[in-house]
């Protein structure tokens, strides 16, 4: 029930504020509107479907705090999958261990990783 309320909250915010700024990255002039965020979330949902991701599958996410990280996080949650967040500061061996033992079916990694 909480999950459904969270998804509804995201959906309502996207519809009500479609043209308004939603996200940006420090030092980067690009601003993502709620509509941009909704479009990216939809693209990721299509990708998850094409990759055979199902509800409650785990998706690992590692990278710096950014708009792309946040949009991916929202996409995973609203798809019904489980986010496995990994800090980018972890040592490579620790990252590998978390990915292997989390049973993640997909991994998103930032450019610096």
PDB file of N, CA and C in Angstrom:
ATOM      1  N   UNK A   1       0.812  -1.190   0.000  1.00  0.00           N
ATOM      2  CA  UNK A   1       0.000   0.000   0.000  1.00  0.00           C
ATOM      3  C   UNK A   1       0.862   1.263   0.000  1.00  0.00           C
ATOM      4  N   UNK A   2       1.924   1.261   0.809  1.00  0.00           N
ATOM      5  CA  UNK A   2       2.823   2.418   0.841  1.00  0.00           C
ATOM      6  C   UNK A   2       3.450   2.620  -0.532  1.00  0.00           C
ATOM      7  N   UNK A   3       3.857   1.508  -1.177  1.00  0.00           N
ATOM      8  CA  UNK A   3       4.471   1.589  -2.501  1.00  0.00           C
ATOM      9  C   UNK A   3       3.517   2.240  -3.497  1.00  0.00           C
ATOM     10  N   UNK A   4       2.242   1.832  -3.465  1.00  0.00           N
ATOM     11  CA  UNK A   4       1.249   2.407  -4.381  1.00  0.00           C
ATOM     12  C   UNK A   4       1.067   3.892  -4.120  1.00  0.00           C
ATOM     13  N   UNK A   5       1.080   4.298  -2.857  1.00  0.00           N
ATOM     14  CA  UNK A   5       0.954   5.717  -2.527  1.00  0.00           C
ATOM     15  C   UNK A   5       2.156   6.503  -3.042  1.00  0.00           C
ATOM     16  N   UNK A   6       3.345   5.931  -2.928  1.00  0.00           N
ATOM     17  CA  UNK A   6       4.558   6.590  -3.412  1.00  0.00           C
ATOM     18  C   UNK A   6       4.504   6.753  -4.929  1.00  0.00           C
ATOM     19  N   UNK A   7       4.093   5.716  -5.613  1.00  0.00           N
ATOM     20  CA  UNK A   7       3.981   5.791  -7.074  1.00  0.00           C
ATOM     21  C   UNK A   7       2.946   6.845  -7.459  1.00  0.00           C
ATOM     22  N   UNK A   8       1.828   6.850  -6.783  1.00  0.00           N
ATOM     23  CA  UNK A   8       0.789   7.849  -7.073  1.00  0.00           C
ATOM     24  C   UNK A   8       1.320   9.255  -6.825  1.00  0.00           C
ATOM     25  N   UNK A   9       2.091   9.431  -5.767  1.00  0.00           N
ATOM     26  CA  UNK A   9       2.687  10.730  -5.465  1.00  0.00           C
ATOM     27  C   UNK A   9       3.575  11.194  -6.616  1.00  0.00           C
ATOM     28  N   UNK A  10       4.436  10.300  -7.135  1.00  0.00           N
ATOM     29  CA  UNK A  10       5.285  10.643  -8.276  1.00  0.00           C
ATOM     30  C   UNK A  10       4.441  10.977  -9.503  1.00  0.00           C
ATOM     31  N   UNK A  11       3.460  10.146  -9.790  1.00  0.00           N
ATOM     32  CA  UNK A  11       2.627  10.370 -10.966  1.00  0.00           C
ATOM     33  C   UNK A  11       1.890  11.707 -10.880  1.00  0.00           C
ATOM     34  N   UNK A  12       1.305  11.984  -9.735  1.00  0.00           N
ATOM     35  CA  UNK A  12       0.581  13.245  -9.559  1.00  0.00           C
ATOM     36  C   UNK A  12       1.511  14.451  -9.703  1.00  0.00           C
ATOM     37  N   UNK A  13       2.702  14.365  -9.127  1.00  0.00           N
ATOM     38  CA  UNK A  13       3.664  15.467  -9.224  1.00  0.00           C
ATOM     39  C   UNK A  13       4.065  15.699 -10.676  1.00  0.00           C
ATOM     40  N   UNK A  14       4.279  14.623 -11.427  1.00  0.00           N
ATOM     41  CA  UNK A  14       4.667  14.757 -12.838  1.00  0.00           C
ATOM     42  C   UNK A  14       3.559  15.459 -13.625  1.00  0.00           C
ATOM     43  N   UNK A  15       2.318  15.021 -13.417  1.00  0.00           N
ATOM     44  CA  UNK A  15       1.194  15.613 -14.148  1.00  0.00           C
ATOM     45  C   UNK A  15       0.972  17.079 -13.773  1.00  0.00           C
ATOM     46  N   UNK A  16       0.990  17.375 -12.490  1.00  0.00           N
ATOM     47  CA  UNK A  16       0.663  18.725 -12.015  1.00  0.00           C
ATOM     48  C   UNK A  16       1.742  19.758 -12.339  1.00  0.00           C
ATOM     49  N   UNK A  17       2.992  19.320 -12.457  1.00  0.00           N
ATOM     50  CA  UNK A  17       4.103  20.262 -12.607  1.00  0.00           C
ATOM     51  C   UNK A  17       4.917  20.003 -13.883  1.00  0.00           C
ATOM     52  N   UNK A  18       4.306  19.437 -14.890  1.00  0.00           N
ATOM     53  CA  UNK A  18       4.964  18.961 -16.106  1.00  0.00           C
ATOM     54  C   UNK A  18       6.032  19.915 -16.646  1.00  0.00           C
ATOM     55  N   UNK A  19       5.749  21.180 -16.720  1.00  0.00           N
ATOM     56  CA  UNK A  19       6.658  22.163 -17.319  1.00  0.00           C
ATOM     57  C   UNK A  19       7.623  22.803 -16.315  1.00  0.00           C
ATOM     58  N   UNK A  20       7.440  22.542 -15.035  1.00  0.00           N
ATOM     59  CA  UNK A  20       8.283  23.171 -14.008  1.00  0.00           C
ATOM     60  C   UNK A  20       9.596  22.439 -13.823  1.00  0.00           C
ATOM     61  N   UNK A  21      10.634  23.141 -13.360  1.00  0.00           N
ATOM     62  CA  UNK A  21      11.922  22.488 -13.092  1.00  0.00           C
ATOM     63  C   UNK A  21      11.789  21.469 -11.960  1.00  0.00           C
ATOM     64  N   UNK A  22      12.412  20.306 -12.151  1.00  0.00           N
ATOM     65  CA  UNK A  22      12.361  19.252 -11.139  1.00  0.00           C
ATOM     66  C   UNK A  22      13.744  18.925 -10.604  1.00  0.00           C
ATOM     67  N   UNK A  23      14.750  18.873 -11.490  1.00  0.00           N
ATOM     68  CA  UNK A  23      16.094  18.454 -11.096  1.00  0.00           C
ATOM     69  C   UNK A  23      17.146  19.202 -11.890  1.00  0.00           C
ATOM     70  N   UNK A  24      18.301  19.340 -11.270  1.00  0.00           N
ATOM     71  CA  UNK A  24      19.471  19.877 -11.979  1.00  0.00           C
ATOM     72  C   UNK A  24      20.704  19.361 -11.253  1.00  0.00           C
ATOM     73  N   UNK A  25      21.833  19.519 -11.892  1.00  0.00           N
ATOM     74  CA  UNK A  25      23.114  19.109 -11.300  1.00  0.00           C
ATOM     75  C   UNK A  25      23.939  20.350 -11.007  1.00  0.00           C
ATOM     76  N   UNK A  26      24.555  20.364  -9.852  1.00  0.00           N
ATOM     77  CA  UNK A  26      25.385  21.496  -9.457  1.00  0.00           C
ATOM     78  C   UNK A  26      26.462  21.752 -10.509  1.00  0.00           C
ATOM     79  N   UNK A  27      26.582  22.989 -10.944  1.00  0.00           N
ATOM     80  CA  UNK A  27      27.598  23.356 -11.919  1.00  0.00           C
ATOM     81  C   UNK A  27      27.229  23.071 -13.359  1.00  0.00           C
ATOM     82  N   UNK A  28      26.042  22.555 -13.591  1.00  0.00           N
ATOM     83  CA  UNK A  28      25.600  22.240 -14.949  1.00  0.00           C
ATOM     84  C   UNK A  28      24.321  23.042 -15.213  1.00  0.00           C
ATOM     85  N   UNK A  29      24.272  23.790 -16.307  1.00  0.00           N
ATOM     86  CA  UNK A  29      23.103  24.633 -16.562  1.00  0.00           C
ATOM     87  C   UNK A  29      21.848  23.842 -16.966  1.00  0.00           C
ATOM     88  N   UNK A  30      21.987  22.572 -17.313  1.00  0.00           N
ATOM     89  CA  UNK A  30      20.837  21.763 -17.734  1.00  0.00           C
ATOM     90  C   UNK A  30      19.874  21.579 -16.561  1.00  0.00           C
ATOM     91  N   UNK A  31      18.612  21.883 -16.812  1.00  0.00           N
ATOM     92  CA  UNK A  31      17.548  21.694 -15.829  1.00  0.00           C
ATOM     93  C   UNK A  31      16.540  20.726 -16.426  1.00  0.00           C
ATOM     94  N   UNK A  32      16.161  19.720 -15.664  1.00  0.00           N
ATOM     95  CA  UNK A  32      15.173  18.735 -16.097  1.00  0.00           C
ATOM     96  C   UNK A  32      13.813  19.123 -15.536  1.00  0.00           C
ATOM     97  N   UNK A  33      12.822  19.224 -16.406  1.00  0.00           N
ATOM     98  CA  UNK A  33      11.463  19.489 -15.954  1.00  0.00           C
ATOM     99  C   UNK A  33      10.850  18.175 -15.454  1.00  0.00           C
ATOM    100  N   UNK A  34       9.711  18.293 -14.807  1.00  0.00           N
ATOM    101  CA  UNK A  34       8.999  17.089 -14.397  1.00  0.00           C
ATOM    102  C   UNK A  34       8.654  16.237 -15.610  1.00  0.00           C
ATOM    103  N   UNK A  35       8.340  16.877 -16.721  1.00  0.00           N
ATOM    104  CA  UNK A  35       8.069  16.153 -17.958  1.00  0.00           C
ATOM    105  C   UNK A  35       9.291  15.389 -18.449  1.00  0.00           C
ATOM    106  N   UNK A  36      10.472  16.020 -18.358  1.00  0.00           N
ATOM    107  CA  UNK A  36      11.719  15.338 -18.732  1.00  0.00           C
ATOM    108  C   UNK A  36      11.945  14.107 -17.851  1.00  0.00           C
ATOM    109  N   UNK A  37      11.703  14.281 -16.563  1.00  0.00           N
ATOM    110  CA  UNK A  37      11.886  13.172 -15.620  1.00  0.00           C
ATOM    111  C   UNK A  37      10.922  12.042 -15.960  1.00  0.00           C
ATOM    112  N   UNK A  38       9.661  12.376 -16.211  1.00  0.00           N
ATOM    113  CA  UNK A  38       8.669  11.360 -16.555  1.00  0.00           C
ATOM    114  C   UNK A  38       9.066  10.613 -17.827  1.00  0.00           C
ATOM    115  N   UNK A  39       9.571  11.322 -18.820  1.00  0.00           N
ATOM    116  CA  UNK A  39       9.990  10.683 -20.074  1.00  0.00           C
ATOM    117  C   UNK A  39      11.160   9.740 -19.847  1.00  0.00           C
ATOM    118  N   UNK A  40      12.126  10.153 -19.027  1.00  0.00           N
ATOM    119  CA  UNK A  40      13.276   9.288 -18.739  1.00  0.00           C
ATOM    120  C   UNK A  40      12.853   8.059 -17.946  1.00  0.00           C
ATOM    121  N   UNK A  41      11.965   8.245 -16.993  1.00  0.00           N
ATOM    122  CA  UNK A  41      11.461   7.113 -16.216  1.00  0.00           C
ATOM    123  C   UNK A  41      10.761   6.122 -17.148  1.00  0.00           C
ATOM    124  N   UNK A  42       9.968   6.618 -18.072  1.00  0.00           N
ATOM    125  CA  UNK A  42       9.284   5.742 -19.025  1.00  0.00           C
ATOM    126  C   UNK A  42      10.287   4.991 -19.908  1.00  0.00           C
ATOM    127  N   UNK A  43      11.319   5.679 -20.380  1.00  0.00           N
ATOM    128  CA  UNK A  43      12.358   5.012 -21.187  1.00  0.00           C
ATOM    129  C   UNK A  43      13.011   3.883 -20.387  1.00  0.00           C
ATOM    130  N   UNK A  44      13.293   4.143 -19.122  1.00  0.00           N
ATOM    131  CA  UNK A  44      13.911   3.119 -18.282  1.00  0.00           C
ATOM    132  C   UNK A  44      12.951   1.963 -18.024  1.00  0.00           C
ATOM    133  N   UNK A  45      11.672   2.245 -17.868  1.00  0.00           N
ATOM    134  CA  UNK A  45      10.697   1.169 -17.699  1.00  0.00           C
ATOM    135  C   UNK A  45      10.684   0.257 -18.926  1.00  0.00           C
ATOM    136  N   UNK A  46      10.766   0.849 -20.096  1.00  0.00           N
ATOM    137  CA  UNK A  46      10.818   0.057 -21.337  1.00  0.00           C
ATOM    138  C   UNK A  46      12.084  -0.796 -21.356  1.00  0.00           C
ATOM    139  N   UNK A  47      13.211  -0.206 -20.962  1.00  0.00           N
ATOM    140  CA  UNK A  47      14.467  -0.956 -20.895  1.00  0.00           C
ATOM    141  C   UNK A  47      14.346  -2.128 -19.925  1.00  0.00           C
ATOM    142  N   UNK A  48      13.783  -1.874 -18.745  1.00  0.00           N
ATOM    143  CA  UNK A  48      13.620  -2.946 -17.757  1.00  0.00           C
ATOM    144  C   UNK A  48      12.783  -4.084 -18.336  1.00  0.00           C
ATOM    145  N   UNK A  49      11.712  -3.717 -19.013  1.00  0.00           N
ATOM    146  CA  UNK A  49      10.846  -4.730 -19.619  1.00  0.00           C
ATOM    147  C   UNK A  49      11.614  -5.542 -20.665  1.00  0.00           C
ATOM    148  N   UNK A  50      12.384  -4.856 -21.516  1.00  0.00           N
ATOM    149  CA  UNK A  50      13.151  -5.543 -22.561  1.00  0.00           C
ATOM    150  C   UNK A  50      14.237  -6.444 -21.965  1.00  0.00           C
ATOM    151  N   UNK A  51      14.725  -6.090 -20.780  1.00  0.00           N
ATOM    152  CA  UNK A  51      15.748  -6.894 -20.100  1.00  0.00           C
ATOM    153  C   UNK A  51      15.147  -8.022 -19.266  1.00  0.00           C
ATOM    154  N   UNK A  52      13.837  -8.108 -19.252  1.00  0.00           N
ATOM    155  CA  UNK A  52      13.177  -9.175 -18.506  1.00  0.00           C
ATOM    156  C   UNK A  52      13.105  -8.933 -17.006  1.00  0.00           C
ATOM    157  N   UNK A  53      13.241  -7.690 -16.594  1.00  0.00           N
ATOM    158  CA  UNK A  53      13.149  -7.362 -15.173  1.00  0.00           C
ATOM    159  C   UNK A  53      11.689  -7.491 -14.743  1.00  0.00           C
ATOM    160  N   UNK A  54      11.484  -8.144 -13.600  1.00  0.00           N
ATOM    161  CA  UNK A  54      10.146  -8.329 -13.065  1.00  0.00           C
ATOM    162  C   UNK A  54      10.014  -7.636 -11.715  1.00  0.00           C
ATOM    163  N   UNK A  55       8.776  -7.522 -11.249  1.00  0.00           N
ATOM    164  CA  UNK A  55       8.512  -6.924  -9.948  1.00  0.00           C
ATOM    165  C   UNK A  55       9.342  -7.657  -8.883  1.00  0.00           C
ATOM    166  N   UNK A  56       9.940  -6.886  -8.005  1.00  0.00           N
ATOM    167  CA  UNK A  56      10.782  -7.365  -6.899  1.00  0.00           C
ATOM    168  C   UNK A  56      12.162  -7.871  -7.325  1.00  0.00           C
ATOM    169  N   UNK A  57      12.504  -7.789  -8.625  1.00  0.00           N
ATOM    170  CA  UNK A  57      13.884  -8.055  -9.024  1.00  0.00           C
ATOM    171  C   UNK A  57      14.745  -6.926  -8.492  1.00  0.00           C
ATOM    172  N   UNK A  58      16.023  -7.203  -8.306  1.00  0.00           N
ATOM    173  CA  UNK A  58      16.927  -6.195  -7.767  1.00  0.00           C
ATOM    174  C   UNK A  58      17.754  -5.569  -8.894  1.00  0.00           C
ATOM    175  N   UNK A  59      17.916  -4.244  -8.790  1.00  0.00           N
ATOM    176  CA  UNK A  59      18.734  -3.478  -9.737  1.00  0.00           C
ATOM    177  C   UNK A  59      19.726  -2.670  -8.930  1.00  0.00           C
ATOM    178  N   UNK A  60      21.029  -2.888  -9.193  1.00  0.00           N
ATOM    179  CA  UNK A  60      22.087  -2.167  -8.482  1.00  0.00           C
ATOM    180  C   UNK A  60      22.334  -0.823  -9.161  1.00  0.00           C
ATOM    181  N   UNK A  61      22.659   0.156  -8.332  1.00  0.00           N
ATOM    182  CA  UNK A  61      22.861   1.524  -8.812  1.00  0.00           C
ATOM    183  C   UNK A  61      24.052   2.120  -8.082  1.00  0.00           C
ATOM    184  N   UNK A  62      25.102   2.455  -8.854  1.00  0.00           N
ATOM    185  CA  UNK A  62      26.294   3.056  -8.265  1.00  0.00           C
ATOM    186  C   UNK A  62      26.684   4.278  -9.089  1.00  0.00           C
ATOM    187  N   UNK A  63      26.977   5.358  -8.412  1.00  0.00           N
ATOM    188  CA  UNK A  63      27.388   6.574  -9.101  1.00  0.00           C
ATOM    189  C   UNK A  63      27.290   7.761  -8.165  1.00  0.00           C
ATOM    190  N   UNK A  64      27.731   8.886  -8.655  1.00  0.00           N
ATOM    191  CA  UNK A  64      27.685  10.101  -7.833  1.00  0.00           C
ATOM    192  C   UNK A  64      26.256  10.630  -7.785  1.00  0.00           C
ATOM    193  N   UNK A  65      26.010  11.452  -6.798  1.00  0.00           N
ATOM    194  CA  UNK A  65      24.719  12.088  -6.642  1.00  0.00           C
ATOM    195  C   UNK A  65      24.476  12.986  -7.864  1.00  0.00           C
ATOM    196  N   UNK A  66      23.473  12.640  -8.661  1.00  0.00           N
ATOM    197  CA  UNK A  66      23.202  13.398  -9.882  1.00  0.00           C
ATOM    198  C   UNK A  66      21.745  13.230 -10.279  1.00  0.00           C
ATOM    199  N   UNK A  67      21.331  14.018 -11.232  1.00  0.00           N
ATOM    200  CA  UNK A  67      19.970  13.901 -11.757  1.00  0.00           C
ATOM    201  C   UNK A  67      19.751  12.524 -12.373  1.00  0.00           C
ATOM    202  N   UNK A  68      20.722  12.038 -13.113  1.00  0.00           N
ATOM    203  CA  UNK A  68      20.581  10.719 -13.728  1.00  0.00           C
ATOM    204  C   UNK A  68      20.430   9.628 -12.681  1.00  0.00           C
ATOM    205  N   UNK A  69      21.204   9.734 -11.602  1.00  0.00           N
ATOM    206  CA  UNK A  69      21.099   8.756 -10.513  1.00  0.00           C
ATOM    207  C   UNK A  69      19.690   8.806  -9.937  1.00  0.00           C
ATOM    208  N   UNK A  70      19.190  10.016  -9.671  1.00  0.00           N
ATOM    209  CA  UNK A  70      17.866  10.178  -9.068  1.00  0.00           C
ATOM    210  C   UNK A  70      16.763   9.671  -9.998  1.00  0.00           C
ATOM    211  N   UNK A  71      16.858   9.959 -11.283  1.00  0.00           N
ATOM    212  CA  UNK A  71      15.836   9.498 -12.222  1.00  0.00           C
ATOM    213  C   UNK A  71      15.837   7.972 -12.325  1.00  0.00           C
ATOM    214  N   UNK A  72      17.020   7.383 -12.303  1.00  0.00           N
ATOM    215  CA  UNK A  72      17.110   5.924 -12.344  1.00  0.00           C
ATOM    216  C   UNK A  72      16.508   5.327 -11.078  1.00  0.00           C
ATOM    217  N   UNK A  73      16.799   5.920  -9.929  1.00  0.00           N
ATOM    218  CA  UNK A  73      16.255   5.461  -8.658  1.00  0.00           C
ATOM    219  C   UNK A  73      14.720   5.493  -8.690  1.00  0.00           C
ATOM    220  N   UNK A  74      14.152   6.606  -9.153  1.00  0.00           N
ATOM    221  CA  UNK A  74      12.696   6.743  -9.245  1.00  0.00           C
ATOM    222  C   UNK A  74      12.132   5.701 -10.217  1.00  0.00           C
ATOM    223  N   UNK A  75      12.814   5.472 -11.329  1.00  0.00           N
ATOM    224  CA  UNK A  75      12.337   4.501 -12.320  1.00  0.00           C
ATOM    225  C   UNK A  75      12.300   3.089 -11.734  1.00  0.00           C
ATOM    226  N   UNK A  76      13.328   2.729 -10.988  1.00  0.00           N
ATOM    227  CA  UNK A  76      13.363   1.397 -10.382  1.00  0.00           C
ATOM    228  C   UNK A  76      12.208   1.246  -9.398  1.00  0.00           C
ATOM    229  N   UNK A  77      12.026   2.228  -8.526  1.00  0.00           N
ATOM    230  CA  UNK A  77      10.956   2.155  -7.527  1.00  0.00           C
ATOM    231  C   UNK A  77       9.582   2.070  -8.177  1.00  0.00           C
ATOM    232  N   UNK A  78       9.332   2.925  -9.154  1.00  0.00           N
ATOM    233  CA  UNK A  78       8.006   2.971  -9.761  1.00  0.00           C
ATOM    234  C   UNK A  78       7.740   1.766 -10.662  1.00  0.00           C
ATOM    235  N   UNK A  79       8.783   1.082 -11.085  1.00  0.00           N
ATOM    236  CA  UNK A  79       8.616  -0.142 -11.877  1.00  0.00           C
ATOM    237  C   UNK A  79       8.223  -1.320 -10.983  1.00  0.00           C
ATOM    238  N   UNK A  80       8.550  -1.197  -9.709  1.00  0.00           N
ATOM    239  CA  UNK A  80       8.249  -2.281  -8.775  1.00  0.00           C
ATOM    240  C   UNK A  80       9.445  -3.148  -8.460  1.00  0.00           C
ATOM    241  N   UNK A  81      10.615  -2.725  -8.943  1.00  0.00           N
ATOM    242  CA  UNK A  81      11.851  -3.449  -8.637  1.00  0.00           C
ATOM    243  C   UNK A  81      12.444  -2.889  -7.343  1.00  0.00           C
ATOM    244  N   UNK A  82      13.516  -3.496  -6.906  1.00  0.00           N
ATOM    245  CA  UNK A  82      14.171  -3.102  -5.656  1.00  0.00           C
ATOM    246  C   UNK A  82      15.533  -2.500  -5.981  1.00  0.00           C
ATOM    247  N   UNK A  83      15.794  -1.306  -5.463  1.00  0.00           N
ATOM    248  CA  UNK A  83      17.067  -0.626  -5.681  1.00  0.00           C
ATOM    249  C   UNK A  83      18.110  -1.183  -4.714  1.00  0.00           C
ATOM    250  N   UNK A  84      19.277  -1.492  -5.263  1.00  0.00           N
ATOM    251  CA  UNK A  84      20.431  -1.841  -4.440  1.00  0.00           C
ATOM    252  C   UNK A  84      21.424  -0.686  -4.609  1.00  0.00           C
ATOM    253  N   UNK A  85      21.336   0.333  -3.731  1.00  0.00           N
ATOM    254  CA  UNK A  85      22.235   1.482  -3.870  1.00  0.00           C
ATOM    255  C   UNK A  85      23.621   1.131  -3.347  1.00  0.00           C
ATOM    256  N   UNK A  86      24.634   1.508  -4.111  1.00  0.00           N
ATOM    257  CA  UNK A  86      26.021   1.238  -3.734  1.00  0.00           C
ATOM    258  C   UNK A  86      26.776   2.562  -3.765  1.00  0.00           C
ATOM    259  N   UNK A  87      27.452   2.882  -2.680  1.00  0.00           N
ATOM    260  CA  UNK A  87      28.213   4.122  -2.638  1.00  0.00           C
ATOM    261  C   UNK A  87      29.390   4.054  -3.596  1.00  0.00           C
ATOM    262  N   UNK A  88      29.605   5.129  -4.322  1.00  0.00           N
ATOM    263  CA  UNK A  88      30.705   5.158  -5.299  1.00  0.00           C
ATOM    264  C   UNK A  88      32.068   5.149  -4.628  1.00  0.00           C
ATOM    265  N   UNK A  89      32.115   5.437  -3.327  1.00  0.00           N
ATOM    266  CA  UNK A  89      33.382   5.476  -2.600  1.00  0.00           C
ATOM    267  C   UNK A  89      33.840   4.102  -2.113  1.00  0.00           C
ATOM    268  N   UNK A  90      33.013   3.083  -2.286  1.00  0.00           N
ATOM    269  CA  UNK A  90      33.402   1.744  -1.857  1.00  0.00           C
ATOM    270  C   UNK A  90      34.572   1.248  -2.698  1.00  0.00           C
ATOM    271  N   UNK A  91      35.382   0.400  -2.109  1.00  0.00           N
ATOM    272  CA  UNK A  91      36.501  -0.221  -2.830  1.00  0.00           C
ATOM    273  C   UNK A  91      35.940  -1.184  -3.873  1.00  0.00           C
ATOM    274  N   UNK A  92      36.675  -1.355  -5.003  1.00  0.00           N
ATOM    275  CA  UNK A  92      36.178  -2.222  -6.072  1.00  0.00           C
ATOM    276  C   UNK A  92      35.786  -3.625  -5.596  1.00  0.00           C
ATOM    277  N   UNK A  93      36.572  -4.191  -4.707  1.00  0.00           N
ATOM    278  CA  UNK A  93      36.247  -5.528  -4.204  1.00  0.00           C
ATOM    279  C   UNK A  93      34.931  -5.552  -3.444  1.00  0.00           C
ATOM    280  N   UNK A  94      34.671  -4.491  -2.684  1.00  0.00           N
ATOM    281  CA  UNK A  94      33.414  -4.403  -1.941  1.00  0.00           C
ATOM    282  C   UNK A  94      32.228  -4.240  -2.892  1.00  0.00           C
ATOM    283  N   UNK A  95      32.420  -3.431  -3.931  1.00  0.00           N
ATOM    284  CA  UNK A  95      31.361  -3.235  -4.923  1.00  0.00           C
ATOM    285  C   UNK A  95      31.033  -4.566  -5.595  1.00  0.00           C
ATOM    286  N   UNK A  96      32.058  -5.283  -6.006  1.00  0.00           N
ATOM    287  CA  UNK A  96      31.860  -6.587  -6.650  1.00  0.00           C
ATOM    288  C   UNK A  96      31.119  -7.534  -5.714  1.00  0.00           C
ATOM    289  N   UNK A  97      31.516  -7.540  -4.454  1.00  0.00           N
ATOM    290  CA  UNK A  97      30.874  -8.417  -3.472  1.00  0.00           C
ATOM    291  C   UNK A  97      29.381  -8.073  -3.332  1.00  0.00           C
ATOM    292  N   UNK A  98      29.069  -6.801  -3.223  1.00  0.00           N
ATOM    293  CA  UNK A  98      27.672  -6.382  -3.074  1.00  0.00           C
ATOM    294  C   UNK A  98      26.863  -6.776  -4.303  1.00  0.00           C
ATOM    295  N   UNK A  99      27.401  -6.515  -5.481  1.00  0.00           N
ATOM    296  CA  UNK A  99      26.680  -6.841  -6.716  1.00  0.00           C
ATOM    297  C   UNK A  99      26.436  -8.344  -6.806  1.00  0.00           C
ATOM    298  N   UNK A 100      27.477  -9.137  -6.548  1.00  0.00           N
ATOM    299  CA  UNK A 100      27.345 -10.589  -6.658  1.00  0.00           C
ATOM    300  C   UNK A 100      26.385 -11.174  -5.635  1.00  0.00           C
ATOM    301  N   UNK A 101      26.367 -10.635  -4.444  1.00  0.00           N
ATOM    302  CA  UNK A 101      25.554 -11.214  -3.376  1.00  0.00           C
ATOM    303  C   UNK A 101      24.177 -10.572  -3.229  1.00  0.00           C
ATOM    304  N   UNK A 102      23.915  -9.525  -3.974  1.00  0.00           N
ATOM    305  CA  UNK A 102      22.603  -8.877  -3.892  1.00  0.00           C
ATOM    306  C   UNK A 102      21.585  -9.539  -4.819  1.00  0.00           C
ATOM    307  N   UNK A 103      22.075 -10.386  -5.706  1.00  0.00           N
ATOM    308  CA  UNK A 103      21.229 -11.022  -6.718  1.00  0.00           C
ATOM    309  C   UNK A 103      20.627 -10.007  -7.682  1.00  0.00           C
ATOM    310  N   UNK A 104      21.351  -8.901  -7.897  1.00  0.00           N
ATOM    311  CA  UNK A 104      20.895  -7.890  -8.845  1.00  0.00           C
ATOM    312  C   UNK A 104      20.897  -8.461 -10.251  1.00  0.00           C
ATOM    313  N   UNK A 105      19.871  -8.123 -11.001  1.00  0.00           N
ATOM    314  CA  UNK A 105      19.761  -8.589 -12.386  1.00  0.00           C
ATOM    315  C   UNK A 105      20.241  -7.553 -13.381  1.00  0.00           C
ATOM    316  N   UNK A 106      20.458  -6.321 -12.892  1.00  0.00           N
ATOM    317  CA  UNK A 106      20.893  -5.228 -13.751  1.00  0.00           C
ATOM    318  C   UNK A 106      21.740  -4.287 -12.920  1.00  0.00           C
ATOM    319  N   UNK A 107      22.706  -3.654 -13.549  1.00  0.00           N
ATOM    320  CA  UNK A 107      23.594  -2.700 -12.852  1.00  0.00           C
ATOM    321  C   UNK A 107      23.658  -1.410 -13.653  1.00  0.00           C
ATOM    322  N   UNK A 108      23.434  -0.297 -12.963  1.00  0.00           N
ATOM    323  CA  UNK A 108      23.654   1.018 -13.536  1.00  0.00           C
ATOM    324  C   UNK A 108      24.861   1.612 -12.835  1.00  0.00           C
ATOM    325  N   UNK A 109      25.810   2.101 -13.626  1.00  0.00           N
ATOM    326  CA  UNK A 109      27.020   2.691 -13.058  1.00  0.00           C
ATOM    327  C   UNK A 109      27.288   4.032 -13.731  1.00  0.00           C
ATOM    328  N   UNK A 110      27.722   5.009 -12.928  1.00  0.00           N
ATOM    329  CA  UNK A 110      28.059   6.326 -13.459  1.00  0.00           C
ATOM    330  C   UNK A 110      29.339   6.273 -14.275  1.00  0.00           C
ATOM    331  N   UNK A 111      29.592   7.347 -15.004  1.00  0.00           N
ATOM    332  CA  UNK A 111      30.766   7.427 -15.880  1.00  0.00           C
ATOM    333  C   UNK A 111      32.084   7.233 -15.139  1.00  0.00           C
ATOM    334  N   UNK A 112      32.167   7.721 -13.916  1.00  0.00           N
ATOM    335  CA  UNK A 112      33.425   7.673 -13.167  1.00  0.00           C
ATOM    336  C   UNK A 112      33.725   6.304 -12.585  1.00  0.00           C
ATOM    337  N   UNK A 113      32.794   5.396 -12.659  1.00  0.00           N
ATOM    338  CA  UNK A 113      32.971   4.068 -12.053  1.00  0.00           C
ATOM    339  C   UNK A 113      33.684   3.149 -13.027  1.00  0.00           C
TER     340      UNK A 113
END
